[in-house]
N, C-alpha and C. Protein backbone atom coordinates (compact mmCIF):
# COMPACT_ATOMS: atom_id res chain seq x y z
N MET A 1 91.65 82.76 107.64
CA MET A 1 90.79 82.69 108.80
C MET A 1 91.61 82.09 109.93
N THR A 2 91.48 82.69 111.11
CA THR A 2 92.17 82.19 112.29
C THR A 2 91.15 81.86 113.35
N LEU A 3 91.24 80.68 113.88
CA LEU A 3 90.37 80.26 114.98
C LEU A 3 91.26 80.00 116.18
N ARG A 4 90.81 80.40 117.35
CA ARG A 4 91.59 80.18 118.56
C ARG A 4 90.92 79.12 119.42
N GLY A 5 91.75 78.39 120.11
CA GLY A 5 91.23 77.35 120.97
C GLY A 5 92.30 76.85 121.93
N THR A 6 91.97 75.80 122.66
CA THR A 6 92.88 75.21 123.63
C THR A 6 92.82 73.70 123.50
N ILE A 7 93.92 73.06 123.82
CA ILE A 7 93.96 71.60 123.82
C ILE A 7 93.41 71.10 125.16
N ARG A 8 92.39 70.28 125.11
CA ARG A 8 91.81 69.66 126.31
C ARG A 8 91.65 68.17 126.02
N ASP A 9 92.25 67.36 126.85
CA ASP A 9 92.16 65.89 126.69
C ASP A 9 92.55 65.44 125.28
N GLY A 10 93.59 66.11 124.72
CA GLY A 10 94.09 65.69 123.41
C GLY A 10 93.28 66.20 122.22
N GLN A 11 92.27 67.02 122.46
CA GLN A 11 91.46 67.56 121.37
C GLN A 11 91.48 69.09 121.42
N VAL A 12 91.35 69.72 120.25
CA VAL A 12 91.30 71.18 120.19
C VAL A 12 89.87 71.62 120.50
N ARG A 13 89.73 72.47 121.52
CA ARG A 13 88.42 73.05 121.87
C ARG A 13 88.46 74.51 121.44
N LEU A 14 87.60 74.87 120.47
CA LEU A 14 87.57 76.24 119.98
C LEU A 14 86.89 77.17 120.97
N GLU A 15 87.35 78.44 120.98
CA GLU A 15 86.77 79.44 121.88
C GLU A 15 85.36 79.82 121.46
N SER A 16 85.08 79.79 120.16
CA SER A 16 83.74 80.14 119.68
C SER A 16 83.35 79.16 118.58
N ALA A 17 82.08 79.17 118.25
CA ALA A 17 81.58 78.25 117.22
C ALA A 17 82.23 78.56 115.87
N SER A 18 82.35 77.54 115.06
CA SER A 18 82.99 77.67 113.75
C SER A 18 82.02 77.29 112.65
N ASP A 19 82.19 77.92 111.48
CA ASP A 19 81.36 77.59 110.32
C ASP A 19 81.98 76.47 109.49
N LEU A 20 83.09 75.93 109.95
CA LEU A 20 83.76 74.86 109.20
C LEU A 20 82.97 73.56 109.34
N PRO A 21 82.78 72.86 108.23
CA PRO A 21 82.05 71.58 108.32
C PRO A 21 82.91 70.50 108.97
N ASP A 22 82.27 69.50 109.55
CA ASP A 22 82.98 68.38 110.16
C ASP A 22 83.88 67.73 109.11
N GLY A 23 85.05 67.33 109.55
CA GLY A 23 85.98 66.65 108.65
C GLY A 23 86.95 67.60 107.95
N THR A 24 86.81 68.90 108.15
CA THR A 24 87.72 69.86 107.52
C THR A 24 89.10 69.72 108.13
N ARG A 25 90.12 69.61 107.26
CA ARG A 25 91.50 69.49 107.73
C ARG A 25 92.01 70.88 108.10
N VAL A 26 92.72 70.95 109.23
CA VAL A 26 93.27 72.23 109.71
C VAL A 26 94.71 72.03 110.16
N ASP A 27 95.46 73.10 110.18
CA ASP A 27 96.81 73.10 110.75
C ASP A 27 96.71 73.74 112.13
N VAL A 28 97.31 73.12 113.12
CA VAL A 28 97.29 73.65 114.48
C VAL A 28 98.72 73.92 114.90
N ARG A 29 98.96 75.11 115.43
CA ARG A 29 100.30 75.42 115.94
C ARG A 29 100.15 76.14 117.26
N PRO A 30 101.07 75.89 118.19
CA PRO A 30 100.98 76.54 119.50
C PRO A 30 101.22 78.05 119.39
N VAL A 31 100.57 78.80 120.24
CA VAL A 31 100.72 80.24 120.29
C VAL A 31 101.57 80.57 121.51
N ALA A 32 102.53 81.47 121.32
CA ALA A 32 103.38 81.88 122.44
C ALA A 32 102.53 82.56 123.49
N GLY A 33 102.84 82.32 124.74
CA GLY A 33 102.07 82.89 125.84
C GLY A 33 102.48 84.30 126.19
N GLU A 34 103.32 84.92 125.37
CA GLU A 34 103.82 86.25 125.66
C GLU A 34 102.82 87.31 125.20
N SER A 35 102.49 88.22 126.10
CA SER A 35 101.59 89.32 125.75
C SER A 35 102.38 90.44 125.08
N LEU A 36 101.67 91.42 124.55
CA LEU A 36 102.31 92.56 123.93
C LEU A 36 103.14 93.35 124.95
N MET A 37 102.61 93.48 126.16
CA MET A 37 103.36 94.19 127.20
C MET A 37 104.64 93.43 127.57
N ASP A 38 104.57 92.11 127.59
CA ASP A 38 105.78 91.32 127.85
C ASP A 38 106.83 91.58 126.77
N LEU A 39 106.37 91.67 125.53
CA LEU A 39 107.27 91.95 124.42
C LEU A 39 107.92 93.32 124.58
N PHE A 40 107.13 94.33 124.95
CA PHE A 40 107.67 95.68 125.18
C PHE A 40 108.69 95.66 126.31
N ARG A 41 108.37 94.98 127.39
CA ARG A 41 109.30 94.92 128.53
C ARG A 41 110.61 94.24 128.16
N ARG A 42 110.52 93.21 127.33
CA ARG A 42 111.72 92.47 126.94
C ARG A 42 112.65 93.34 126.10
N HIS A 43 112.07 94.23 125.29
CA HIS A 43 112.87 95.07 124.41
C HIS A 43 113.10 96.48 124.95
N ALA A 44 112.62 96.76 126.14
CA ALA A 44 112.78 98.09 126.73
C ALA A 44 114.24 98.36 127.05
N ILE A 45 114.60 99.61 126.94
CA ILE A 45 115.96 100.02 127.27
C ILE A 45 116.02 100.30 128.76
N SER A 46 116.95 99.67 129.40
CA SER A 46 117.15 99.90 130.83
C SER A 46 118.53 100.52 130.99
N ASP A 47 118.57 101.84 130.89
CA ASP A 47 119.83 102.56 130.97
C ASP A 47 119.71 103.67 132.00
N PRO A 48 120.39 103.54 133.14
CA PRO A 48 120.27 104.55 134.20
C PRO A 48 120.81 105.91 133.79
N SER A 49 121.59 105.99 132.70
CA SER A 49 122.13 107.29 132.29
C SER A 49 121.09 108.12 131.54
N LEU A 50 119.98 107.49 131.09
CA LEU A 50 118.93 108.25 130.40
C LEU A 50 118.10 109.03 131.43
N PRO A 51 117.65 110.24 131.06
CA PRO A 51 116.82 111.00 132.00
C PRO A 51 115.49 110.32 132.25
N ARG A 52 114.96 110.46 133.46
CA ARG A 52 113.70 109.81 133.83
C ARG A 52 112.52 110.42 133.08
N ASP A 53 112.61 111.69 132.70
CA ASP A 53 111.50 112.36 132.02
C ASP A 53 111.69 112.41 130.51
N PHE A 54 112.46 111.48 129.97
CA PHE A 54 112.77 111.51 128.53
C PHE A 54 111.52 111.48 127.67
N ALA A 55 110.56 110.64 127.98
CA ALA A 55 109.37 110.52 127.15
C ALA A 55 108.50 111.77 127.22
N THR A 56 108.34 112.35 128.40
CA THR A 56 107.47 113.52 128.53
C THR A 56 108.15 114.80 128.05
N GLU A 57 109.46 114.84 128.07
CA GLU A 57 110.20 116.03 127.66
C GLU A 57 110.99 115.80 126.38
N ILE A 58 110.46 114.99 125.49
CA ILE A 58 111.18 114.62 124.26
C ILE A 58 111.57 115.84 123.42
N ASP A 59 110.70 116.86 123.35
CA ASP A 59 111.01 118.07 122.58
C ASP A 59 112.22 118.80 123.16
N HIS A 60 112.36 118.76 124.47
CA HIS A 60 113.51 119.39 125.10
C HIS A 60 114.80 118.67 124.72
N TYR A 61 114.79 117.35 124.80
CA TYR A 61 116.01 116.59 124.54
C TYR A 61 116.36 116.50 123.06
N LEU A 62 115.37 116.53 122.18
CA LEU A 62 115.66 116.45 120.74
C LEU A 62 115.94 117.81 120.12
N TYR A 63 115.14 118.82 120.50
CA TYR A 63 115.19 120.11 119.80
C TYR A 63 115.67 121.27 120.67
N GLY A 64 115.92 121.01 121.95
CA GLY A 64 116.42 122.06 122.83
C GLY A 64 115.37 123.04 123.32
N LEU A 65 114.09 122.72 123.15
CA LEU A 65 113.03 123.59 123.64
C LEU A 65 113.02 123.57 125.16
N PRO A 66 112.48 124.62 125.79
CA PRO A 66 112.39 124.58 127.26
C PRO A 66 111.52 123.41 127.70
N LYS A 67 111.80 122.89 128.88
CA LYS A 67 110.99 121.78 129.39
C LYS A 67 109.56 122.26 129.60
N ARG A 68 108.61 121.36 129.46
CA ARG A 68 107.19 121.71 129.57
C ARG A 68 106.87 122.34 130.91
N ASN A 69 107.41 121.79 131.99
CA ASN A 69 107.13 122.33 133.32
C ASN A 69 107.64 123.76 133.43
N ARG A 70 108.77 124.06 132.84
CA ARG A 70 109.32 125.41 132.87
C ARG A 70 108.47 126.36 132.04
N ARG A 71 107.97 125.87 130.87
CA ARG A 71 107.12 126.71 130.02
C ARG A 71 105.83 127.06 130.75
N LYS A 72 105.27 126.08 131.45
CA LYS A 72 104.03 126.34 132.20
C LYS A 72 104.28 127.33 133.32
N ALA A 73 105.41 127.20 134.00
CA ALA A 73 105.74 128.11 135.10
C ALA A 73 105.92 129.54 134.57
N LYS A 74 106.58 129.69 133.42
CA LYS A 74 106.77 131.01 132.83
C LYS A 74 105.42 131.62 132.45
N ALA A 75 104.55 130.81 131.87
CA ALA A 75 103.24 131.31 131.46
C ALA A 75 102.44 131.75 132.67
N LYS A 76 102.54 131.00 133.74
CA LYS A 76 101.81 131.35 134.96
C LYS A 76 102.35 132.66 135.53
N ALA A 77 103.67 132.80 135.51
CA ALA A 77 104.30 134.01 136.03
C ALA A 77 103.92 135.23 135.17
N ALA A 78 103.77 135.02 133.87
CA ALA A 78 103.39 136.11 132.98
C ALA A 78 101.93 136.51 133.19
N GLY A 79 101.14 135.61 133.77
CA GLY A 79 99.77 135.93 134.10
C GLY A 79 98.75 135.66 133.01
N ASP A 80 99.18 135.15 131.87
CA ASP A 80 98.19 134.89 130.82
C ASP A 80 97.70 133.46 130.83
N GLY A 81 98.34 132.58 131.59
CA GLY A 81 97.87 131.20 131.74
C GLY A 81 98.09 130.31 130.55
N ARG A 82 98.75 130.81 129.50
CA ARG A 82 99.00 129.97 128.33
C ARG A 82 100.44 129.51 128.34
N ALA A 83 100.68 128.33 127.78
CA ALA A 83 102.03 127.76 127.73
C ALA A 83 102.92 128.62 126.85
N GLY A 84 104.20 128.65 127.17
CA GLY A 84 105.16 129.36 126.34
C GLY A 84 105.30 130.83 126.70
N GLY A 85 104.44 131.36 127.58
CA GLY A 85 104.56 132.74 127.99
C GLY A 85 104.19 133.73 126.90
N ARG A 86 103.42 133.31 125.92
CA ARG A 86 103.03 134.22 124.84
C ARG A 86 102.02 135.23 125.36
N LYS A 87 102.17 136.45 124.90
CA LYS A 87 101.25 137.49 125.33
C LYS A 87 100.11 137.61 124.33
N LYS A 88 98.97 138.05 124.82
CA LYS A 88 97.82 138.26 123.95
C LYS A 88 98.07 139.50 123.10
N LYS A 89 97.67 139.43 121.84
CA LYS A 89 97.81 140.58 120.95
C LYS A 89 96.66 141.54 121.20
N ALA A 90 96.98 142.82 121.14
CA ALA A 90 95.94 143.84 121.29
C ALA A 90 95.13 143.89 120.00
N LYS A 91 93.82 144.02 120.15
CA LYS A 91 92.96 144.11 118.97
C LYS A 91 93.06 145.50 118.38
N ARG A 92 93.13 145.56 117.05
CA ARG A 92 93.16 146.83 116.38
C ARG A 92 91.74 147.23 116.00
N SER A 93 91.50 148.48 116.09
CA SER A 93 90.19 148.98 115.70
C SER A 93 90.11 149.04 114.19
N SER A 94 89.01 148.63 113.62
CA SER A 94 88.87 148.65 112.17
C SER A 94 88.42 150.02 111.69
N LYS A 95 88.02 150.91 112.63
CA LYS A 95 87.57 152.24 112.25
C LYS A 95 88.80 153.16 112.15
N LYS A 96 88.83 153.97 111.10
CA LYS A 96 89.91 154.93 110.95
C LYS A 96 89.58 156.17 111.75
N SER A 97 90.59 156.72 112.35
CA SER A 97 90.36 157.94 113.12
C SER A 97 90.19 159.12 112.18
N ARG A 98 89.27 159.99 112.52
CA ARG A 98 89.05 161.19 111.70
C ARG A 98 89.84 162.34 112.28
N GLY A 99 90.58 162.98 111.47
CA GLY A 99 91.39 164.04 112.04
C GLY A 99 91.48 165.25 111.29
C-alpha cells in the first residue's frame, strides 16, 4: 500500500484519508519531483543529424518504404483516394456466359 502526502510543520499530511489505525508505524521517504515528461526529456536524443520526420516516417527509414506524404500524393494523383496508389479491382460476374 502506498499513501502520498506532504510534510507540513514537521508532520506528514496525507492527501486522502487512510484506513490505518493510530499508532501504526510507517516508513517515509521523499519522492523525486521529476515528472515522467521530465524523465523523457532528460533521456531524449538531441542529434541534429537525425531527420526531423523520423518518428512519423519510421517505415521509410527502417524498411525503405515511400514516405507517407508521397504515398498520399500518388494515391491522390491516381484518383482513387487510397494510400499507396492501389487500384480498385474490377468485380467479376458470378454468372457464366451462355454461348
